[in-house]
Each structure stands twice: as C-alpha cells, then as structure tokens.
PDB file of N, CA and C in Angstrom:
ATOM      1  N   MET A   1      34.969 -26.746 -62.617  1.00  0.00           N
ATOM      2  CA  MET A   1      33.984 -27.108 -61.996  1.00  0.00           C
ATOM      3  C   MET A   1      33.434 -26.333 -60.527  1.00  0.00           C
ATOM      4  N   GLU A   2      32.206 -26.211 -60.592  1.00  0.00           N
ATOM      5  CA  GLU A   2      31.708 -25.314 -59.518  1.00  0.00           C
ATOM      6  C   GLU A   2      31.738 -26.162 -58.114  1.00  0.00           C
ATOM      7  N   LYS A   3      31.862 -25.342 -57.068  1.00  0.00           N
ATOM      8  CA  LYS A   3      31.870 -26.046 -55.867  1.00  0.00           C
ATOM      9  C   LYS A   3      30.428 -25.492 -55.085  1.00  0.00           C
ATOM     10  N   LYS A   4      29.522 -26.360 -54.869  1.00  0.00           N
ATOM     11  CA  LYS A   4      28.446 -26.019 -54.303  1.00  0.00           C
ATOM     12  C   LYS A   4      28.372 -25.971 -52.669  1.00  0.00           C
ATOM     13  N   GLN A   5      27.994 -24.700 -52.487  1.00  0.00           N
ATOM     14  CA  GLN A   5      27.957 -24.528 -50.923  1.00  0.00           C
ATOM     15  C   GLN A   5      26.960 -25.219 -50.415  1.00  0.00           C
ATOM     16  N   LYS A   6      26.955 -25.681 -49.356  1.00  0.00           N
ATOM     17  CA  LYS A   6      25.911 -26.366 -48.565  1.00  0.00           C
ATOM     18  C   LYS A   6      25.388 -25.549 -47.690  1.00  0.00           C
ATOM     19  N   ARG A   7      24.069 -25.417 -47.655  1.00  0.00           N
ATOM     20  CA  ARG A   7      23.268 -24.480 -46.893  1.00  0.00           C
ATOM     21  C   ARG A   7      22.503 -25.434 -45.802  1.00  0.00           C
ATOM     22  N   ALA A   8      22.392 -24.683 -44.649  1.00  0.00           N
ATOM     23  CA  ALA A   8      21.867 -25.487 -43.417  1.00  0.00           C
ATOM     24  C   ALA A   8      20.300 -25.559 -43.861  1.00  0.00           C
ATOM     25  N   PRO A   9      19.785 -26.623 -43.440  1.00  0.00           N
ATOM     26  CA  PRO A   9      18.412 -26.720 -43.746  1.00  0.00           C
ATOM     27  C   PRO A   9      17.396 -25.462 -43.074  1.00  0.00           C
ATOM     28  N   LEU A  10      16.512 -25.120 -43.633  1.00  0.00           N
ATOM     29  CA  LEU A  10      15.611 -23.993 -43.207  1.00  0.00           C
ATOM     30  C   LEU A  10      14.996 -24.227 -41.952  1.00  0.00           C
ATOM     31  N   LEU A  11      14.436 -25.327 -41.605  1.00  0.00           N
ATOM     32  CA  LEU A  11      13.866 -25.409 -40.437  1.00  0.00           C
ATOM     33  C   LEU A  11      14.426 -25.228 -39.123  1.00  0.00           C
ATOM     34  N   PRO A  12      15.784 -25.699 -39.055  1.00  0.00           N
ATOM     35  CA  PRO A  12      16.246 -25.348 -37.706  1.00  0.00           C
ATOM     36  C   PRO A  12      16.603 -23.800 -37.430  1.00  0.00           C
ATOM     37  N   ARG A  13      16.707 -23.165 -38.597  1.00  0.00           N
ATOM     38  CA  ARG A  13      17.100 -21.514 -38.333  1.00  0.00           C
ATOM     39  C   ARG A  13      15.534 -20.820 -37.973  1.00  0.00           C
ATOM     40  N   VAL A  14      14.366 -21.476 -38.537  1.00  0.00           N
ATOM     41  CA  VAL A  14      13.101 -20.771 -38.223  1.00  0.00           C
ATOM     42  C   VAL A  14      12.887 -21.015 -36.928  1.00  0.00           C
ATOM     43  N   LEU A  15      13.169 -22.375 -36.324  1.00  0.00           N
ATOM     44  CA  LEU A  15      12.940 -22.753 -34.978  1.00  0.00           C
ATOM     45  C   LEU A  15      13.734 -21.935 -33.967  1.00  0.00           C
ATOM     46  N   LEU A  16      15.111 -21.660 -34.327  1.00  0.00           N
ATOM     47  CA  LEU A  16      15.914 -20.897 -33.363  1.00  0.00           C
ATOM     48  C   LEU A  16      15.339 -19.479 -33.481  1.00  0.00           C
ATOM     49  N   ARG A  17      14.853 -18.941 -34.449  1.00  0.00           N
ATOM     50  CA  ARG A  17      14.443 -17.634 -34.411  1.00  0.00           C
ATOM     51  C   ARG A  17      13.078 -17.472 -33.736  1.00  0.00           C
ATOM     52  N   ALA A  18      12.338 -18.504 -33.908  1.00  0.00           N
ATOM     53  CA  ALA A  18      10.775 -18.533 -33.125  1.00  0.00           C
ATOM     54  C   ALA A  18      11.111 -18.647 -31.740  1.00  0.00           C
ATOM     55  N   GLY A  19      12.227 -19.449 -31.507  1.00  0.00           N
ATOM     56  CA  GLY A  19      12.741 -19.619 -29.994  1.00  0.00           C
ATOM     57  C   GLY A  19      13.247 -18.342 -29.299  1.00  0.00           C
ATOM     58  N   LEU A  20      14.299 -17.488 -30.200  1.00  0.00           N
ATOM     59  CA  LEU A  20      14.397 -16.493 -29.572  1.00  0.00           C
ATOM     60  C   LEU A  20      13.400 -15.464 -29.257  1.00  0.00           C
ATOM     61  N   VAL A  21      12.358 -15.385 -30.230  1.00  0.00           N
ATOM     62  CA  VAL A  21      11.386 -14.368 -30.129  1.00  0.00           C
ATOM     63  C   VAL A  21      10.542 -14.691 -29.232  1.00  0.00           C
ATOM     64  N   LEU A  22      10.028 -16.156 -28.749  1.00  0.00           N
ATOM     65  CA  LEU A  22       9.493 -16.322 -27.691  1.00  0.00           C
ATOM     66  C   LEU A  22      10.077 -15.977 -26.261  1.00  0.00           C
ATOM     67  N   ILE A  23      11.391 -16.312 -26.144  1.00  0.00           N
ATOM     68  CA  ILE A  23      12.186 -15.970 -25.160  1.00  0.00           C
ATOM     69  C   ILE A  23      12.071 -14.640 -24.734  1.00  0.00           C
ATOM     70  N   GLY A  24      12.491 -13.647 -25.657  1.00  0.00           N
ATOM     71  CA  GLY A  24      12.334 -12.195 -25.715  1.00  0.00           C
ATOM     72  C   GLY A  24      10.938 -11.788 -25.254  1.00  0.00           C
ATOM     73  N   GLY A  25       9.779 -12.251 -25.749  1.00  0.00           N
ATOM     74  CA  GLY A  25       8.500 -11.842 -25.327  1.00  0.00           C
ATOM     75  C   GLY A  25       8.392 -12.240 -23.887  1.00  0.00           C
ATOM     76  N   TYR A  26       8.696 -13.226 -23.484  1.00  0.00           N
ATOM     77  CA  TYR A  26       8.552 -13.689 -22.037  1.00  0.00           C
ATOM     78  C   TYR A  26       9.222 -12.814 -21.176  1.00  0.00           C
ATOM     79  N   LEU A  27      10.585 -12.387 -21.471  1.00  0.00           N
ATOM     80  CA  LEU A  27      11.265 -11.450 -20.827  1.00  0.00           C
ATOM     81  C   LEU A  27      10.428 -10.208 -20.628  1.00  0.00           C
ATOM     82  N   VAL A  28      10.172  -9.549 -21.869  1.00  0.00           N
ATOM     83  CA  VAL A  28       9.272  -8.397 -21.879  1.00  0.00           C
ATOM     84  C   VAL A  28       8.000  -8.345 -20.985  1.00  0.00           C
ATOM     85  N   ALA A  29       7.347  -9.363 -21.215  1.00  0.00           N
ATOM     86  CA  ALA A  29       6.071  -9.682 -20.372  1.00  0.00           C
ATOM     87  C   ALA A  29       6.393  -9.572 -18.792  1.00  0.00           C
ATOM     88  N   GLY A  30       7.651 -10.288 -18.580  1.00  0.00           N
ATOM     89  CA  GLY A  30       7.919 -10.466 -17.131  1.00  0.00           C
ATOM     90  C   GLY A  30       8.435  -8.967 -16.544  1.00  0.00           C
ATOM     91  N   LEU A  31       8.995  -8.350 -17.403  1.00  0.00           N
ATOM     92  CA  LEU A  31       9.344  -6.875 -16.810  1.00  0.00           C
ATOM     93  C   LEU A  31       8.402  -5.976 -16.704  1.00  0.00           C
ATOM     94  N   VAL A  32       7.299  -6.213 -17.547  1.00  0.00           N
ATOM     95  CA  VAL A  32       5.721  -5.406 -17.393  1.00  0.00           C
ATOM     96  C   VAL A  32       5.026  -5.598 -16.099  1.00  0.00           C
ATOM     97  N   PHE A  33       5.069  -6.905 -16.056  1.00  0.00           N
ATOM     98  CA  PHE A  33       4.222  -7.217 -14.721  1.00  0.00           C
ATOM     99  C   PHE A  33       5.022  -7.019 -13.321  1.00  0.00           C
ATOM    100  N   ASN A  34       6.369  -7.151 -13.495  1.00  0.00           N
ATOM    101  CA  ASN A  34       6.949  -6.602 -12.483  1.00  0.00           C
ATOM    102  C   ASN A  34       7.051  -5.229 -12.000  1.00  0.00           C
ATOM    103  N   GLN A  35       6.901  -4.359 -13.264  1.00  0.00           N
ATOM    104  CA  GLN A  35       6.883  -2.793 -13.011  1.00  0.00           C
ATOM    105  C   GLN A  35       5.326  -2.626 -12.458  1.00  0.00           C
ATOM    106  N   VAL A  36       4.393  -3.287 -12.770  1.00  0.00           N
ATOM    107  CA  VAL A  36       2.845  -3.216 -12.407  1.00  0.00           C
ATOM    108  C   VAL A  36       2.903  -3.674 -10.745  1.00  0.00           C
ATOM    109  N   ASP A  37       3.704  -4.504 -10.495  1.00  0.00           N
ATOM    110  CA  ASP A  37       3.702  -5.148  -9.382  1.00  0.00           C
ATOM    111  C   ASP A  37       4.320  -3.896  -8.262  1.00  0.00           C
ATOM    112  N   ILE A  38       5.471  -3.540  -8.746  1.00  0.00           N
ATOM    113  CA  ILE A  38       6.391  -2.508  -7.904  1.00  0.00           C
ATOM    114  C   ILE A  38       5.677  -1.335  -7.734  1.00  0.00           C
ATOM    115  N   ALA A  39       4.561  -0.864  -8.643  1.00  0.00           N
ATOM    116  CA  ALA A  39       4.088   0.251  -8.839  1.00  0.00           C
ATOM    117  C   ALA A  39       2.832   0.255  -7.517  1.00  0.00           C
ATOM    118  N   ALA A  40       2.116  -1.217  -7.708  1.00  0.00           N
ATOM    119  CA  ALA A  40       1.195  -1.321  -6.500  1.00  0.00           C
ATOM    120  C   ALA A  40       1.881  -1.356  -5.253  1.00  0.00           C
ATOM    121  N   LYS A  41       2.979  -1.976  -5.121  1.00  0.00           N
ATOM    122  CA  LYS A  41       3.766  -1.913  -3.769  1.00  0.00           C
ATOM    123  C   LYS A  41       4.203  -0.702  -3.272  1.00  0.00           C
ATOM    124  N   GLN A  42       4.560   0.294  -4.027  1.00  0.00           N
ATOM    125  CA  GLN A  42       4.735   1.618  -3.774  1.00  0.00           C
ATOM    126  C   GLN A  42       3.576   2.330  -3.289  1.00  0.00           C
ATOM    127  N   LYS A  43       2.656   2.025  -3.809  1.00  0.00           N
ATOM    128  CA  LYS A  43       1.180   2.794  -3.524  1.00  0.00           C
ATOM    129  C   LYS A  43       1.049   2.276  -2.057  1.00  0.00           C
ATOM    130  N   GLU A  44       1.288   1.029  -1.851  1.00  0.00           N
ATOM    131  CA  GLU A  44       0.817   0.335  -0.529  1.00  0.00           C
ATOM    132  C   GLU A  44       1.730   0.985   0.583  1.00  0.00           C
ATOM    133  N   LEU A  45       2.997   1.219   0.075  1.00  0.00           N
ATOM    134  CA  LEU A  45       3.826   1.790   0.982  1.00  0.00           C
ATOM    135  C   LEU A  45       3.496   3.086   1.578  1.00  0.00           C
ATOM    136  N   GLN A  46       3.028   3.802   0.354  1.00  0.00           N
ATOM    137  CA  GLN A  46       2.816   5.140   0.652  1.00  0.00           C
ATOM    138  C   GLN A  46       1.528   5.470   1.660  1.00  0.00           C
ATOM    139  N   ASP A  47       0.667   4.317   1.342  1.00  0.00           N
ATOM    140  CA  ASP A  47      -0.512   4.380   2.321  1.00  0.00           C
ATOM    141  C   ASP A  47      -0.131   4.003   3.769  1.00  0.00           C
ATOM    142  N   LEU A  48       0.716   3.126   3.895  1.00  0.00           N
ATOM    143  CA  LEU A  48       1.102   2.741   5.317  1.00  0.00           C
ATOM    144  C   LEU A  48       1.803   3.858   5.936  1.00  0.00           C
ATOM    145  N   GLU A  49       2.643   4.805   5.100  1.00  0.00           N
ATOM    146  CA  GLU A  49       3.509   5.820   5.851  1.00  0.00           C
ATOM    147  C   GLU A  49       2.434   6.775   6.106  1.00  0.00           C
ATOM    148  N   ASN A  50       1.433   7.016   5.501  1.00  0.00           N
ATOM    149  CA  ASN A  50       0.271   7.923   5.818  1.00  0.00           C
ATOM    150  C   ASN A  50      -0.314   7.512   6.958  1.00  0.00           C
ATOM    151  N   GLN A  51      -0.682   6.270   7.155  1.00  0.00           N
ATOM    152  CA  GLN A  51      -1.460   5.754   8.480  1.00  0.00           C
ATOM    153  C   GLN A  51      -0.339   5.793   9.609  1.00  0.00           C
ATOM    154  N   LEU A  52       1.026   5.548   9.260  1.00  0.00           N
ATOM    155  CA  LEU A  52       1.906   5.736  10.526  1.00  0.00           C
ATOM    156  C   LEU A  52       2.243   7.131  10.957  1.00  0.00           C
ATOM    157  N   GLU A  53       2.035   8.149   9.836  1.00  0.00           N
ATOM    158  CA  GLU A  53       2.021   9.471  10.436  1.00  0.00           C
ATOM    159  C   GLU A  53       0.808   9.971  11.242  1.00  0.00           C
ATOM    160  N   GLN A  54      -0.325   9.372  10.882  1.00  0.00           N
ATOM    161  CA  GLN A  54      -1.348   9.578  11.735  1.00  0.00           C
ATOM    162  C   GLN A  54      -1.363   9.113  13.109  1.00  0.00           C
ATOM    163  N   GLN A  55      -0.855   7.785  13.056  1.00  0.00           N
ATOM    164  CA  GLN A  55      -0.896   7.358  14.405  1.00  0.00           C
ATOM    165  C   GLN A  55       0.398   8.030  15.272  1.00  0.00           C
ATOM    166  N   ARG A  56       1.427   8.614  14.775  1.00  0.00           N
ATOM    167  CA  ARG A  56       2.336   9.369  15.363  1.00  0.00           C
ATOM    168  C   ARG A  56       1.759  10.518  15.829  1.00  0.00           C
ATOM    169  N   GLN A  57       0.845  11.291  15.074  1.00  0.00           N
ATOM    170  CA  GLN A  57       0.336  12.471  15.414  1.00  0.00           C
ATOM    171  C   GLN A  57      -0.685  12.342  16.765  1.00  0.00           C
ATOM    172  N   GLN A  58      -1.400  11.070  16.600  1.00  0.00           N
ATOM    173  CA  GLN A  58      -2.266  10.844  17.720  1.00  0.00           C
ATOM    174  C   GLN A  58      -1.420  10.318  18.757  1.00  0.00           C
ATOM    175  N   ASN A  59      -0.390   9.678  18.783  1.00  0.00           N
ATOM    176  CA  ASN A  59       0.482   9.493  20.034  1.00  0.00           C
ATOM    177  C   ASN A  59       0.936  10.790  20.544  1.00  0.00           C
ATOM    178  N   ASP A  60       1.403  11.700  19.899  1.00  0.00           N
ATOM    179  CA  ASP A  60       1.815  12.830  20.315  1.00  0.00           C
ATOM    180  C   ASP A  60       0.827  13.660  21.143  1.00  0.00           C
ATOM    181  N   GLU A  61      -0.611  13.487  20.644  1.00  0.00           N
ATOM    182  CA  GLU A  61      -1.558  14.155  21.391  1.00  0.00           C
ATOM    183  C   GLU A  61      -1.798  13.450  22.695  1.00  0.00           C
ATOM    184  N   LEU A  62      -1.860  12.174  22.833  1.00  0.00           N
ATOM    185  CA  LEU A  62      -1.970  11.385  24.026  1.00  0.00           C
ATOM    186  C   LEU A  62      -0.848  11.701  24.799  1.00  0.00           C
ATOM    187  N   GLU A  63       0.367  11.920  24.452  1.00  0.00           N
ATOM    188  CA  GLU A  63       1.523  12.087  25.264  1.00  0.00           C
ATOM    189  C   GLU A  63       1.366  13.462  26.100  1.00  0.00           C
ATOM    190  N   ARG A  64       0.917  14.409  25.165  1.00  0.00           N
ATOM    191  CA  ARG A  64       0.573  15.783  25.869  1.00  0.00           C
ATOM    192  C   ARG A  64      -0.584  15.689  27.028  1.00  0.00           C
ATOM    193  N   VAL A  65      -1.776  14.861  26.802  1.00  0.00           N
ATOM    194  CA  VAL A  65      -2.567  14.890  27.609  1.00  0.00           C
ATOM    195  C   VAL A  65      -1.856  14.130  28.905  1.00  0.00           C
ATOM    196  N   LEU A  66      -1.251  13.043  28.663  1.00  0.00           N
ATOM    197  CA  LEU A  66      -0.593  12.424  29.709  1.00  0.00           C
ATOM    198  C   LEU A  66       0.374  13.309  30.603  1.00  0.00           C
ATOM    199  N   GLU A  67       0.984  14.158  30.126  1.00  0.00           N
ATOM    200  CA  GLU A  67       2.044  15.085  30.478  1.00  0.00           C
ATOM    201  C   GLU A  67       1.374  16.352  31.349  1.00  0.00           C
ATOM    202  N   SER A  68       0.230  16.470  30.983  1.00  0.00           N
ATOM    203  CA  SER A  68      -0.460  17.588  31.525  1.00  0.00           C
ATOM    204  C   SER A  68      -1.039  17.298  33.088  1.00  0.00           C
ATOM    205  N   GLY A  69      -0.695  16.093  33.406  1.00  0.00           N
ATOM    206  CA  GLY A  69      -0.991  15.406  34.718  1.00  0.00           C
ATOM    207  C   GLY A  69      -2.253  14.818  34.958  1.00  0.00           C
ATOM    208  N   SER A  70      -3.012  15.192  36.073  1.00  0.00           N
ATOM    209  CA  SER A  70      -4.214  14.604  36.442  1.00  0.00           C
ATOM    210  C   SER A  70      -5.418  15.592  36.264  1.00  0.00           C
ATOM    211  N   ASP A  71      -5.357  16.537  35.188  1.00  0.00           N
ATOM    212  CA  ASP A  71      -6.177  17.457  35.051  1.00  0.00           C
ATOM    213  C   ASP A  71      -7.830  16.822  34.964  1.00  0.00           C
ATOM    214  N   LEU A  72      -8.457  17.081  35.690  1.00  0.00           N
ATOM    215  CA  LEU A  72      -9.839  16.531  35.801  1.00  0.00           C
ATOM    216  C   LEU A  72     -10.636  16.760  34.517  1.00  0.00           C
ATOM    217  N   GLU A  73     -10.506  17.860  34.177  1.00  0.00           N
ATOM    218  CA  GLU A  73     -11.266  18.364  32.873  1.00  0.00           C
ATOM    219  C   GLU A  73     -10.937  17.380  31.584  1.00  0.00           C
ATOM    220  N   ILE A  74      -9.614  17.243  31.741  1.00  0.00           N
ATOM    221  CA  ILE A  74      -9.151  16.367  30.438  1.00  0.00           C
ATOM    222  C   ILE A  74      -9.713  15.179  30.599  1.00  0.00           C
ATOM    223  N   ILE A  75      -9.646  14.515  31.565  1.00  0.00           N
ATOM    224  CA  ILE A  75     -10.049  13.088  31.890  1.00  0.00           C
ATOM    225  C   ILE A  75     -11.436  12.917  31.797  1.00  0.00           C
ATOM    226  N   GLU A  76     -12.096  13.844  32.132  1.00  0.00           N
ATOM    227  CA  GLU A  76     -13.789  13.805  31.783  1.00  0.00           C
ATOM    228  C   GLU A  76     -13.871  13.920  30.386  1.00  0.00           C
ATOM    229  N   ARG A  77     -13.096  14.915  29.783  1.00  0.00           N
ATOM    230  CA  ARG A  77     -13.497  15.129  28.254  1.00  0.00           C
ATOM    231  C   ARG A  77     -13.052  13.715  27.444  1.00  0.00           C
ATOM    232  N   VAL A  78     -12.154  13.051  27.657  1.00  0.00           N
ATOM    233  CA  VAL A  78     -11.686  11.911  27.244  1.00  0.00           C
ATOM    234  C   VAL A  78     -12.591  10.565  27.572  1.00  0.00           C
ATOM    235  N   ALA A  79     -13.205  10.869  28.558  1.00  0.00           N
ATOM    236  CA  ALA A  79     -14.225   9.759  29.000  1.00  0.00           C
ATOM    237  C   ALA A  79     -15.383   9.932  28.275  1.00  0.00           C
ATOM    238  N   ARG A  80     -15.837  11.123  28.348  1.00  0.00           N
ATOM    239  CA  ARG A  80     -16.997  11.532  27.422  1.00  0.00           C
ATOM    240  C   ARG A  80     -16.846  11.042  25.828  1.00  0.00           C
ATOM    241  N   ASP A  81     -16.207  11.988  25.476  1.00  0.00           N
ATOM    242  CA  ASP A  81     -15.796  11.838  24.012  1.00  0.00           C
ATOM    243  C   ASP A  81     -15.383  10.440  23.339  1.00  0.00           C
ATOM    244  N   LYS A  82     -14.484   9.858  23.930  1.00  0.00           N
ATOM    245  CA  LYS A  82     -13.766   8.745  23.158  1.00  0.00           C
ATOM    246  C   LYS A  82     -14.361   7.410  23.727  1.00  0.00           C
ATOM    247  N   LEU A  83     -14.810   7.281  25.356  1.00  0.00           N
ATOM    248  CA  LEU A  83     -15.113   6.201  25.726  1.00  0.00           C
ATOM    249  C   LEU A  83     -16.458   5.935  25.924  1.00  0.00           C
ATOM    250  N   GLY A  84     -17.435   7.358  25.645  1.00  0.00           N
ATOM    251  CA  GLY A  84     -18.968   7.403  25.626  1.00  0.00           C
ATOM    252  C   GLY A  84     -19.360   7.319  27.238  1.00  0.00           C
ATOM    253  N   TYR A  85     -18.532   7.596  28.046  1.00  0.00           N
ATOM    254  CA  TYR A  85     -19.218   7.630  29.597  1.00  0.00           C
ATOM    255  C   TYR A  85     -19.874   8.667  29.874  1.00  0.00           C
ATOM    256  N   ALA A  86     -20.828   8.538  30.848  1.00  0.00           N
ATOM    257  CA  ALA A  86     -21.631   9.730  31.361  1.00  0.00           C
ATOM    258  C   ALA A  86     -21.736   9.674  32.824  1.00  0.00           C
ATOM    259  N   LYS A  87     -22.074  11.014  33.260  1.00  0.00           N
ATOM    260  CA  LYS A  87     -22.367  11.193  34.549  1.00  0.00           C
ATOM    261  C   LYS A  87     -23.714  10.167  35.037  1.00  0.00           C
ATOM    262  N   PRO A  88     -23.901   9.650  36.337  1.00  0.00           N
ATOM    263  CA  PRO A  88     -24.982   8.958  36.784  1.00  0.00           C
ATOM    264  C   PRO A  88     -26.247   9.941  36.532  1.00  0.00           C
ATOM    265  N   ASN A  89     -27.282   9.489  35.942  1.00  0.00           N
ATOM    266  CA  ASN A  89     -28.791  10.093  35.721  1.00  0.00           C
ATOM    267  C   ASN A  89     -28.466  10.956  34.795  1.00  0.00           C
ATOM    268  N   GLU A  90     -27.514  11.147  34.190  1.00  0.00           N
ATOM    269  CA  GLU A  90     -27.264  12.092  33.006  1.00  0.00           C
ATOM    270  C   GLU A  90     -27.825  11.481  31.709  1.00  0.00           C
ATOM    271  N   ARG A  91     -28.640  12.267  30.928  1.00  0.00           N
ATOM    272  CA  ARG A  91     -29.023  12.070  29.641  1.00  0.00           C
ATOM    273  C   ARG A  91     -28.070  12.550  28.612  1.00  0.00           C
ATOM    274  N   VAL A  92     -27.557  11.815  27.731  1.00  0.00           N
ATOM    275  CA  VAL A  92     -26.647  12.085  26.557  1.00  0.00           C
ATOM    276  C   VAL A  92     -27.378  12.069  25.371  1.00  0.00           C
ATOM    277  N   PHE A  93     -27.627  13.308  24.555  1.00  0.00           N
ATOM    278  CA  PHE A  93     -28.299  13.476  23.262  1.00  0.00           C
ATOM    279  C   PHE A  93     -27.073  13.371  22.099  1.00  0.00           C
ATOM    280  N   ILE A  94     -27.435  12.681  21.098  1.00  0.00           N
ATOM    281  CA  ILE A  94     -26.391  12.353  20.176  1.00  0.00           C
ATOM    282  C   ILE A  94     -26.950  13.059  18.859  1.00  0.00           C
ATOM    283  N   ASP A  95     -26.323  14.056  18.212  1.00  0.00           N
ATOM    284  CA  ASP A  95     -26.881  14.729  16.944  1.00  0.00           C
ATOM    285  C   ASP A  95     -26.606  13.688  15.727  1.00  0.00           C
ATOM    286  N   VAL A  96     -27.562  13.123  15.205  1.00  0.00           N
ATOM    287  CA  VAL A  96     -27.451  12.190  14.136  1.00  0.00           C
ATOM    288  C   VAL A  96     -27.504  12.882  12.720  1.00  0.00           C
ATOM    289  N   THR A  97     -27.727  14.262  12.683  1.00  0.00           N
ATOM    290  CA  THR A  97     -27.886  14.732  11.575  1.00  0.00           C
ATOM    291  C   THR A  97     -26.449  15.046  10.790  1.00  0.00           C
ATOM    292  N   GLY A  98     -25.535  14.731  11.306  1.00  0.00           N
ATOM    293  CA  GLY A  98     -24.071  15.156  10.839  1.00  0.00           C
ATOM    294  C   GLY A  98     -23.701  16.219  10.473  1.00  0.00           C
ATOM    295  N   GLN A  99     -24.271  17.183  11.041  1.00  0.00           N
ATOM    296  CA  GLN A  99     -23.869  18.688  11.066  1.00  0.00           C
ATOM    297  C   GLN A  99     -23.168  19.174  12.308  1.00  0.00           C
TER     298      GLN A  99
END
C-alpha cells in the first residue's frame, strides 16, 4: 500500500511568502528614507557649522576692536559703516552701481 503524503494547502504558503515580501519591502523602503533624511541632516549640520565659523570670525574681529581701546578712528568707522551714522550737516552719498 502506498502511503499518501499530506501536502499543506497552497494558499497559506502563498500568503506567508507574500507577507514576508511585504515586510522586506517595508524595511528596505524605511532604510532608504532614513538614508535620505540622514543626508539632509548632514547638509544642514554643515551649513550650521559654516555659519558658526563665520560668527566666530566676526566675534574675533569685534574683540580686536574692543581690545584696541577707545581709538576714536575705529569707533567713528564702525559708527559710519555699520550703524549708518554721519556728522551733523554732513551729506552721505551711497554708490548704488554696485561697483
């Protein structure tokens, strides 16, 4: 007599494989999106580090000006260039040609 082997129904195996494929696809998509997000955050970090370096250079320049004491010429130059001040009855001409 032949013994018949019982085979598992086909539907549960197909569903199991489809489920595994879906889970794998979800994990791969999650990894890709995380890598894109990491790259964007690294660029943002680099931009912030560049801004920080510029700010440090500006702070160093301001500290040098402060250390130079009360040099009237430096104070006058800063007042004119950075703050837009002028002497009484003085006309200030601004070059708008960009050169």
